[in-house]
Amino acid sequence: MPHNGINGINGETAALALDRVVGELRRGRAVRVFDPDSGTGLIVAAIESAQSPLLRRLESAGRELRLFLTAERARAAGFATAADAPVAVTVTAGSAIEELRALACVSPVDPDQLTLLHIDAAPPDARLAEAGFRLAKAGRLLPALVGVAADASDDPSLLGIAADAVERRVRLAPHSLKRMSQSRVPLSDATDCELALFRDEHGLGEHVAVLIGDPDLSGIVPVRLHSACLTGDLLGSLRCDCGEQLRTAVRRIAELGGGILLYLDQEGRGIGLANKLRAYALQDAGLDTIDADRHLGFLSDERNYDVAAELLRQLGVSRIRLMTNNPHKIAALRAHGIDVVGRLSLIGRANRHNERYLRAKRERAGHLAEEPEV
């Protein structure tokens, strides 16, 4: 019998459905997204992971095959310059999957060589496509879908999920974070240090709280939110200032007597490593960091700081002084109930490889470049 939202041995069925559907998309399989009220639906697959045999099977379903792109991708590519909702692109039957990937900015094939039958900037199933994009993003896939309309399906190979269930789980449901392990890990800039790993039960993320020194958690705690950056943090990439900011934050928190660094599993401003490298290739072709992400179909920043707020609550922290140049982090934490009483700046050094990146953060993303007022 259902109790407190738990509907079965494995837990809440809505959460399980989302987890399983996301897994199917990552494996290159199709899923069904539907509206239970109207009975309409879409059978979709992520163009990044789908393979040619699946494309042919979708075509054989007898419905028009379409590629669904986000409004950001449609505007950036010039397919629909005023789009404010998902766009549906109809292509010729028998098109190669690499041609569709070119439209989605996955493949280097020149989109100008493609034969487009029709671009619908306001498809009637846009809400279903939007739910599909959220599923793809939850699976760290490019938000571009290939699919066909399907009012109903008795295909036992298809997993399905209601569009409103996706909305509730991806955007509205709280994170289910559990502290999995913790250990003392002395760092070169902070020998008195512990690392605690938290795992999101219904997501792919693993986040680390770096507990430095002996701060008074009931008072105002110095805190740094640091989104993971493999290229900068681990490999010393000069394309960003992430690695320098990470090490400087640890050192400064230690000098302040202690605090917390949250290492968040949000690579590439939330788009994931694969897409960050795709964005780098677009930047090499002349785009800045924000326009590159939009060409891939993403918002300028896909991060969500509710997970950071929940981590702080689980650590017993409610009042912080945030080490950041990004005013959006301050606003987001305050919106999630954290009392941000002050800011500590963290200015990275410019070089010829990251100068354009740093300028875009200042001029287009609103990052602060000056020291805060005391």
Protein backbone atom coordinates (compact mmCIF):
# COMPACT_ATOMS: atom_id res chain seq x y z
CA MET A 1 0.00 0.00 0.00
CA PRO A 2 1.41 3.45 -0.87
CA HIS A 3 2.73 5.33 2.15
CA ASN A 4 4.24 8.84 2.26
CA GLY A 5 4.75 8.87 -1.49
CA ILE A 6 6.42 5.42 -1.51
CA ASN A 7 4.63 3.23 -4.01
CA GLY A 8 6.64 0.06 -4.15
CA ILE A 9 9.62 -1.96 -2.99
CA ASN A 10 12.05 0.26 -4.91
CA GLY A 11 10.47 3.52 -3.81
CA GLU A 12 8.45 6.25 -5.47
CA THR A 13 7.35 5.16 -8.91
CA ALA A 14 7.57 8.64 -10.46
CA ALA A 15 11.21 9.01 -9.45
CA LEU A 16 12.02 5.49 -10.64
CA ALA A 17 10.36 6.15 -14.00
CA LEU A 18 12.52 9.21 -14.59
CA ASP A 19 15.73 7.41 -13.60
CA ARG A 20 14.94 4.53 -15.94
CA VAL A 21 13.90 6.71 -18.89
CA VAL A 22 17.09 8.78 -18.59
CA GLY A 23 19.10 5.55 -18.60
CA GLU A 24 17.37 4.43 -21.79
CA LEU A 25 18.24 7.70 -23.55
CA ARG A 26 21.88 7.40 -22.49
CA ARG A 27 21.98 3.89 -23.95
CA GLY A 28 20.73 5.15 -27.31
CA ARG A 29 17.21 3.76 -26.97
CA ALA A 30 13.89 5.44 -27.65
CA VAL A 31 11.38 6.35 -24.94
CA ARG A 32 7.82 7.66 -24.97
CA VAL A 33 6.93 11.04 -23.47
CA PHE A 34 3.18 11.57 -23.26
CA ASP A 35 0.40 13.81 -22.00
CA PRO A 36 -1.99 11.66 -19.95
CA ASP A 37 -4.82 14.18 -20.33
CA SER A 38 -4.85 14.43 -24.12
CA GLY A 39 -3.37 11.03 -24.88
CA THR A 40 -0.80 12.57 -27.24
CA GLY A 41 2.78 11.43 -27.13
CA LEU A 42 6.21 11.42 -28.72
CA ILE A 43 8.58 8.52 -29.19
CA VAL A 44 12.00 10.12 -28.99
CA ALA A 45 15.68 9.28 -28.76
CA ALA A 46 18.66 11.49 -28.03
CA ILE A 47 20.39 12.27 -31.32
CA GLU A 48 23.76 12.13 -29.55
CA SER A 49 23.41 8.48 -28.51
CA ALA A 50 20.94 7.06 -31.08
CA GLN A 51 22.28 4.88 -33.89
CA SER A 52 21.19 4.41 -37.50
CA PRO A 53 19.17 1.18 -36.97
CA LEU A 54 16.97 2.98 -34.42
CA LEU A 55 16.50 5.86 -36.86
CA ARG A 56 15.28 3.44 -39.52
CA ARG A 57 12.89 1.76 -37.06
CA LEU A 58 11.42 5.12 -36.10
CA GLU A 59 10.90 5.89 -39.79
CA SER A 60 9.10 2.58 -40.25
CA ALA A 61 6.57 3.57 -37.58
CA GLY A 62 4.65 5.32 -40.36
CA ARG A 63 4.79 8.82 -38.89
CA GLU A 64 6.80 11.84 -39.99
CA LEU A 65 10.28 11.76 -38.52
CA ARG A 66 11.38 15.05 -36.95
CA LEU A 67 14.37 16.46 -35.15
CA PHE A 68 13.49 18.54 -32.10
CA LEU A 69 15.88 21.36 -31.18
CA THR A 70 15.82 23.83 -28.31
CA ALA A 71 14.94 27.46 -28.94
CA GLU A 72 18.55 28.37 -28.06
CA ARG A 73 19.94 26.08 -30.76
CA ALA A 74 17.34 27.22 -33.32
CA ARG A 75 18.15 30.90 -32.77
CA ALA A 76 21.91 30.39 -32.68
CA ALA A 77 21.91 28.38 -35.91
CA GLY A 78 19.49 30.74 -37.67
CA PHE A 79 16.81 28.07 -38.16
CA ALA A 80 14.18 30.14 -36.35
CA THR A 81 15.55 33.51 -35.28
CA ALA A 82 12.58 34.40 -33.06
CA ALA A 83 12.02 30.96 -31.52
CA ASP A 84 11.05 30.93 -27.86
CA ALA A 85 10.02 27.26 -27.72
CA PRO A 86 11.29 23.96 -29.15
CA VAL A 87 11.58 23.79 -32.93
CA ALA A 88 10.74 20.71 -35.00
CA VAL A 89 12.77 20.11 -38.16
CA THR A 90 11.43 17.66 -40.73
CA VAL A 91 14.12 16.05 -42.89
CA THR A 92 13.99 13.79 -45.92
CA ALA A 93 13.33 10.11 -45.38
CA GLY A 94 16.50 8.06 -45.39
CA SER A 95 18.70 10.90 -44.15
CA ALA A 96 21.93 9.76 -42.54
CA ILE A 97 22.10 10.14 -38.80
CA GLU A 98 25.22 12.29 -39.18
CA GLU A 99 23.14 14.80 -41.11
CA LEU A 100 20.73 15.09 -38.21
CA ARG A 101 23.64 15.39 -35.80
CA ALA A 102 24.96 18.26 -37.87
CA LEU A 103 21.69 20.11 -37.36
CA ALA A 104 22.05 19.53 -33.62
CA CYS A 105 25.69 20.71 -33.66
CA VAL A 106 27.08 17.27 -32.76
CA SER A 107 28.61 16.40 -36.12
CA PRO A 108 30.93 18.55 -38.25
CA VAL A 109 28.83 17.97 -41.39
CA ASP A 110 27.93 21.31 -42.99
CA PRO A 111 24.22 21.96 -42.25
CA ASP A 112 24.00 24.08 -45.44
CA GLN A 113 24.31 20.87 -47.44
CA LEU A 114 21.24 19.32 -45.85
CA THR A 115 17.80 19.15 -47.45
CA LEU A 116 15.23 20.49 -44.99
CA LEU A 117 11.60 19.83 -45.79
CA HIS A 118 10.10 22.05 -43.13
CA ILE A 119 10.92 23.94 -39.94
CA ASP A 120 8.06 24.29 -37.48
CA ALA A 121 8.85 26.99 -34.93
CA ALA A 122 5.72 26.24 -32.92
CA PRO A 123 5.02 22.48 -33.07
CA PRO A 124 1.86 21.38 -31.23
CA ASP A 125 3.87 18.87 -29.19
CA ALA A 126 6.45 21.43 -28.04
CA ARG A 127 5.65 20.74 -24.37
CA LEU A 128 6.44 17.06 -24.85
CA ALA A 129 9.69 17.94 -26.60
CA GLU A 130 10.60 20.28 -23.73
CA ALA A 131 10.13 17.41 -21.30
CA GLY A 132 12.37 15.30 -23.51
CA PHE A 133 15.07 17.99 -23.41
CA ARG A 134 14.97 17.95 -19.61
CA LEU A 135 15.43 14.19 -19.67
CA ALA A 136 18.41 14.51 -22.02
CA LYS A 137 20.00 17.17 -19.81
CA ALA A 138 19.43 15.01 -16.74
CA GLY A 139 21.43 12.34 -18.55
CA ARG A 140 24.15 14.86 -19.52
CA LEU A 141 23.25 14.50 -23.17
CA LEU A 142 22.88 17.17 -25.81
CA PRO A 143 19.27 18.49 -25.76
CA ALA A 144 18.33 17.39 -29.27
CA LEU A 145 15.83 14.62 -29.99
CA VAL A 146 14.81 12.61 -33.00
CA GLY A 147 11.35 11.16 -32.90
CA VAL A 148 7.85 10.58 -34.17
CA ALA A 149 4.38 11.37 -32.85
CA ALA A 150 2.67 8.47 -31.13
CA ASP A 151 -0.75 8.80 -29.52
CA ALA A 152 -0.40 5.41 -27.84
CA SER A 153 2.03 2.57 -27.84
CA ASP A 154 1.79 -1.06 -26.80
CA ASP A 155 5.43 -1.69 -27.72
CA PRO A 156 6.83 -3.59 -24.70
CA SER A 157 10.35 -2.39 -25.51
CA LEU A 158 9.45 1.26 -24.82
CA LEU A 159 9.58 2.89 -21.41
CA GLY A 160 7.28 5.87 -21.00
CA ILE A 161 6.88 8.87 -18.74
CA ALA A 162 4.32 11.65 -18.46
CA ALA A 163 5.52 15.15 -19.32
CA ASP A 164 4.20 16.60 -16.06
CA ALA A 165 6.11 13.94 -14.10
CA VAL A 166 9.32 15.10 -15.77
CA GLU A 167 8.50 18.69 -14.82
CA ARG A 168 7.93 17.76 -11.20
CA ARG A 169 11.01 15.58 -10.81
CA VAL A 170 13.58 17.58 -12.77
CA ARG A 171 12.57 21.09 -11.78
CA LEU A 172 10.54 20.87 -8.59
CA ALA A 173 11.58 17.81 -6.59
CA PRO A 174 14.21 18.30 -3.87
CA HIS A 175 17.58 16.63 -4.20
CA SER A 176 17.92 13.40 -2.26
CA LEU A 177 21.48 13.74 -0.99
CA LYS A 178 23.12 11.19 1.25
CA ARG A 179 26.50 11.45 2.93
CA MET A 180 28.27 8.30 1.76
CA SER A 181 31.73 8.57 3.30
CA GLN A 182 34.11 10.96 5.02
CA SER A 183 37.80 10.97 5.79
CA ARG A 184 40.71 13.22 6.76
CA VAL A 185 42.64 14.26 3.63
CA PRO A 186 45.46 16.76 4.27
CA LEU A 187 45.94 19.12 1.33
CA SER A 188 49.06 21.04 0.38
CA ASP A 189 47.37 24.35 1.22
CA ALA A 190 45.22 23.06 4.09
CA THR A 191 46.62 20.14 6.07
CA ASP A 192 43.70 20.24 8.56
CA CYS A 193 41.05 19.07 6.13
CA GLU A 194 38.33 16.44 5.73
CA LEU A 195 36.44 15.37 2.61
CA ALA A 196 32.83 14.23 2.75
CA LEU A 197 31.20 12.70 -0.32
CA PHE A 198 27.48 13.15 -0.95
CA ARG A 199 25.55 11.22 -3.59
CA ASP A 200 22.25 12.24 -5.17
CA GLU A 201 19.99 9.20 -4.92
CA HIS A 202 18.03 10.09 -8.07
CA GLY A 203 20.78 11.63 -10.15
CA LEU A 204 24.21 11.01 -11.54
CA GLY A 205 25.95 13.57 -9.36
CA GLU A 206 28.48 13.04 -6.60
CA HIS A 207 29.42 16.18 -4.69
CA VAL A 208 32.28 16.68 -2.25
CA ALA A 209 32.29 18.95 0.79
CA VAL A 210 35.85 20.01 1.62
CA LEU A 211 35.81 20.84 5.34
CA ILE A 212 38.81 23.05 6.06
CA GLY A 213 40.06 23.86 9.55
CA ASP A 214 37.65 24.22 12.46
CA PRO A 215 35.02 26.82 11.56
CA ASP A 216 32.16 27.73 13.88
CA LEU A 217 29.28 26.26 11.88
CA SER A 218 26.74 28.17 13.97
CA GLY A 219 28.31 31.48 12.93
CA ILE A 220 29.21 33.04 9.58
CA VAL A 221 31.16 30.44 7.61
CA PRO A 222 33.47 31.24 4.66
CA VAL A 223 32.19 29.15 1.75
CA ARG A 224 33.27 28.59 -1.83
CA LEU A 225 31.01 26.88 -4.40
CA HIS A 226 33.28 25.36 -7.03
CA SER A 227 31.84 23.60 -10.08
CA ALA A 228 33.99 20.67 -11.18
CA CYS A 229 36.35 21.37 -14.05
CA LEU A 230 38.47 18.39 -15.02
CA THR A 231 40.47 20.33 -17.60
CA GLY A 232 41.31 23.21 -15.28
CA ASP A 233 41.35 21.59 -11.84
CA LEU A 234 43.23 18.41 -12.75
CA LEU A 235 45.07 19.10 -16.00
CA GLY A 236 45.93 22.76 -15.51
CA SER A 237 44.10 24.04 -18.60
CA LEU A 238 44.85 27.66 -19.50
CA ARG A 239 41.45 28.11 -21.20
CA CYS A 240 39.81 28.99 -17.87
CA ASP A 241 40.76 30.16 -14.38
CA CYS A 242 39.10 27.27 -12.54
CA GLY A 243 42.18 25.47 -11.29
CA GLU A 244 43.70 28.67 -9.96
CA GLN A 245 40.42 29.63 -8.27
CA LEU A 246 40.16 26.19 -6.66
CA ARG A 247 43.61 26.25 -5.12
CA THR A 248 43.37 29.91 -4.12
CA ALA A 249 40.02 29.27 -2.41
CA VAL A 250 41.42 26.38 -0.35
CA ARG A 251 44.41 28.48 0.74
CA ARG A 252 42.33 31.55 1.63
CA ILE A 253 39.74 29.55 3.57
CA ALA A 254 42.57 27.98 5.58
CA GLU A 255 44.06 31.43 6.23
CA LEU A 256 40.66 32.61 7.51
CA GLY A 257 40.72 29.86 10.13
CA GLY A 258 38.43 27.43 8.37
CA GLY A 259 35.39 27.08 6.21
CA ILE A 260 33.87 24.91 3.50
CA LEU A 261 34.51 24.38 -0.20
CA LEU A 262 31.71 22.59 -2.01
CA TYR A 263 33.04 20.76 -5.06
CA LEU A 264 29.91 20.42 -7.19
CA ASP A 265 29.48 17.88 -9.95
CA GLN A 266 28.44 20.52 -12.52
CA GLU A 267 31.15 20.37 -15.19
CA GLY A 268 31.03 23.04 -17.87
CA ARG A 269 28.43 25.25 -16.11
CA GLY A 270 26.20 22.20 -15.91
CA ILE A 271 26.45 20.83 -19.47
CA GLY A 272 28.97 18.05 -18.76
CA LEU A 273 32.48 17.35 -19.99
CA ALA A 274 31.56 16.04 -23.45
CA ASN A 275 29.54 19.14 -24.25
CA LYS A 276 32.15 21.44 -22.71
CA LEU A 277 34.72 20.05 -25.16
CA ARG A 278 32.24 20.58 -28.00
CA ALA A 279 31.84 24.17 -26.82
CA TYR A 280 35.64 24.58 -26.83
CA ALA A 281 35.72 23.53 -30.48
CA LEU A 282 33.07 26.15 -31.27
CA GLN A 283 35.09 28.75 -29.39
CA ASP A 284 38.10 27.87 -31.53
CA ALA A 285 35.88 28.69 -34.51
CA GLY A 286 35.21 32.18 -33.14
CA LEU A 287 32.33 32.00 -30.65
CA ASP A 288 32.63 33.10 -27.04
CA THR A 289 31.80 30.76 -24.17
CA ILE A 290 28.14 31.83 -23.90
CA ASP A 291 27.33 31.71 -27.63
CA ALA A 292 29.08 28.33 -27.91
CA ASP A 293 26.79 26.83 -25.26
CA ARG A 294 23.73 28.26 -27.01
CA HIS A 295 24.81 26.75 -30.32
CA LEU A 296 24.73 23.40 -28.55
CA GLY A 297 21.17 24.07 -27.41
CA PHE A 298 21.89 25.03 -23.81
CA LEU A 299 21.16 28.09 -21.72
CA SER A 300 24.11 30.33 -20.90
CA ASP A 301 24.33 28.62 -17.49
CA GLU A 302 22.62 25.31 -16.74
CA ARG A 303 23.70 25.07 -13.09
CA ASN A 304 21.23 24.84 -10.25
CA TYR A 305 22.39 25.77 -6.76
CA ASP A 306 19.61 24.08 -4.80
CA VAL A 307 21.99 21.16 -4.36
CA ALA A 308 24.56 23.50 -2.80
CA ALA A 309 21.96 24.89 -0.41
CA GLU A 310 20.93 21.38 0.60
CA LEU A 311 24.59 20.40 1.19
CA LEU A 312 25.04 23.42 3.47
CA ARG A 313 21.90 22.54 5.41
CA GLN A 314 23.08 18.97 5.91
CA LEU A 315 26.40 20.33 7.18
CA GLY A 316 24.53 22.53 9.67
CA VAL A 317 25.43 25.83 7.97
CA SER A 318 22.89 28.63 7.44
CA ARG A 319 24.94 31.87 7.42
CA ILE A 320 27.89 32.25 5.06
CA ARG A 321 30.31 34.66 3.52
CA LEU A 322 30.49 33.49 -0.10
CA MET A 323 33.76 33.50 -2.02
CA THR A 324 32.65 34.35 -5.56
CA ASN A 325 32.59 36.86 -8.39
CA ASN A 326 29.21 35.58 -9.61
CA PRO A 327 26.20 37.52 -8.21
CA HIS A 328 23.86 34.80 -9.53
CA LYS A 329 25.30 32.36 -6.97
CA ILE A 330 24.50 34.79 -4.17
CA ALA A 331 20.92 35.30 -5.41
CA ALA A 332 20.39 31.56 -5.92
CA LEU A 333 21.56 30.60 -2.44
CA ARG A 334 19.43 33.32 -0.87
CA ALA A 335 16.43 32.08 -2.85
CA HIS A 336 17.04 28.62 -1.35
CA GLY A 337 17.14 29.90 2.23
CA ILE A 338 20.86 30.44 2.85
CA ASP A 339 21.76 33.74 4.53
CA VAL A 340 24.63 35.18 2.46
CA VAL A 341 25.89 38.02 4.66
CA GLY A 342 28.93 38.99 2.60
CA ARG A 343 31.16 38.28 -0.37
CA LEU A 344 34.83 37.51 -0.77
CA SER A 345 36.21 38.07 -4.28
CA LEU A 346 38.24 35.48 -6.14
CA ILE A 347 39.91 37.08 -9.16
CA GLY A 348 41.85 34.78 -11.49
CA ARG A 349 44.78 35.78 -13.65
CA ALA A 350 44.26 36.40 -17.34
CA ASN A 351 46.44 34.88 -20.04
CA ARG A 352 46.26 34.83 -23.82
CA HIS A 353 44.26 31.58 -23.74
CA ASN A 354 41.54 32.63 -21.28
CA GLU A 355 41.29 36.39 -21.79
CA ARG A 356 38.22 36.15 -24.02
CA TYR A 357 36.59 33.70 -21.61
CA LEU A 358 37.12 36.01 -18.64
CA ARG A 359 35.84 39.01 -20.61
CA ALA A 360 32.65 37.15 -21.54
CA LYS A 361 32.04 36.27 -17.89
CA ARG A 362 32.38 39.94 -16.93
CA GLU A 363 30.59 41.59 -19.83
CA ARG A 364 27.90 39.03 -20.65
CA ALA A 365 27.39 36.95 -17.52
CA GLY A 366 27.66 39.84 -15.06
CA HIS A 367 30.60 38.52 -13.04
CA LEU A 368 32.18 41.06 -10.72
CA ALA A 369 35.79 42.04 -11.23
CA GLU A 370 36.29 44.41 -8.32
CA GLU A 371 36.92 43.78 -4.64
CA PRO A 372 33.73 43.82 -2.56
CA GLU A 373 32.99 46.61 -0.13
CA VAL A 374 33.92 45.75 3.46
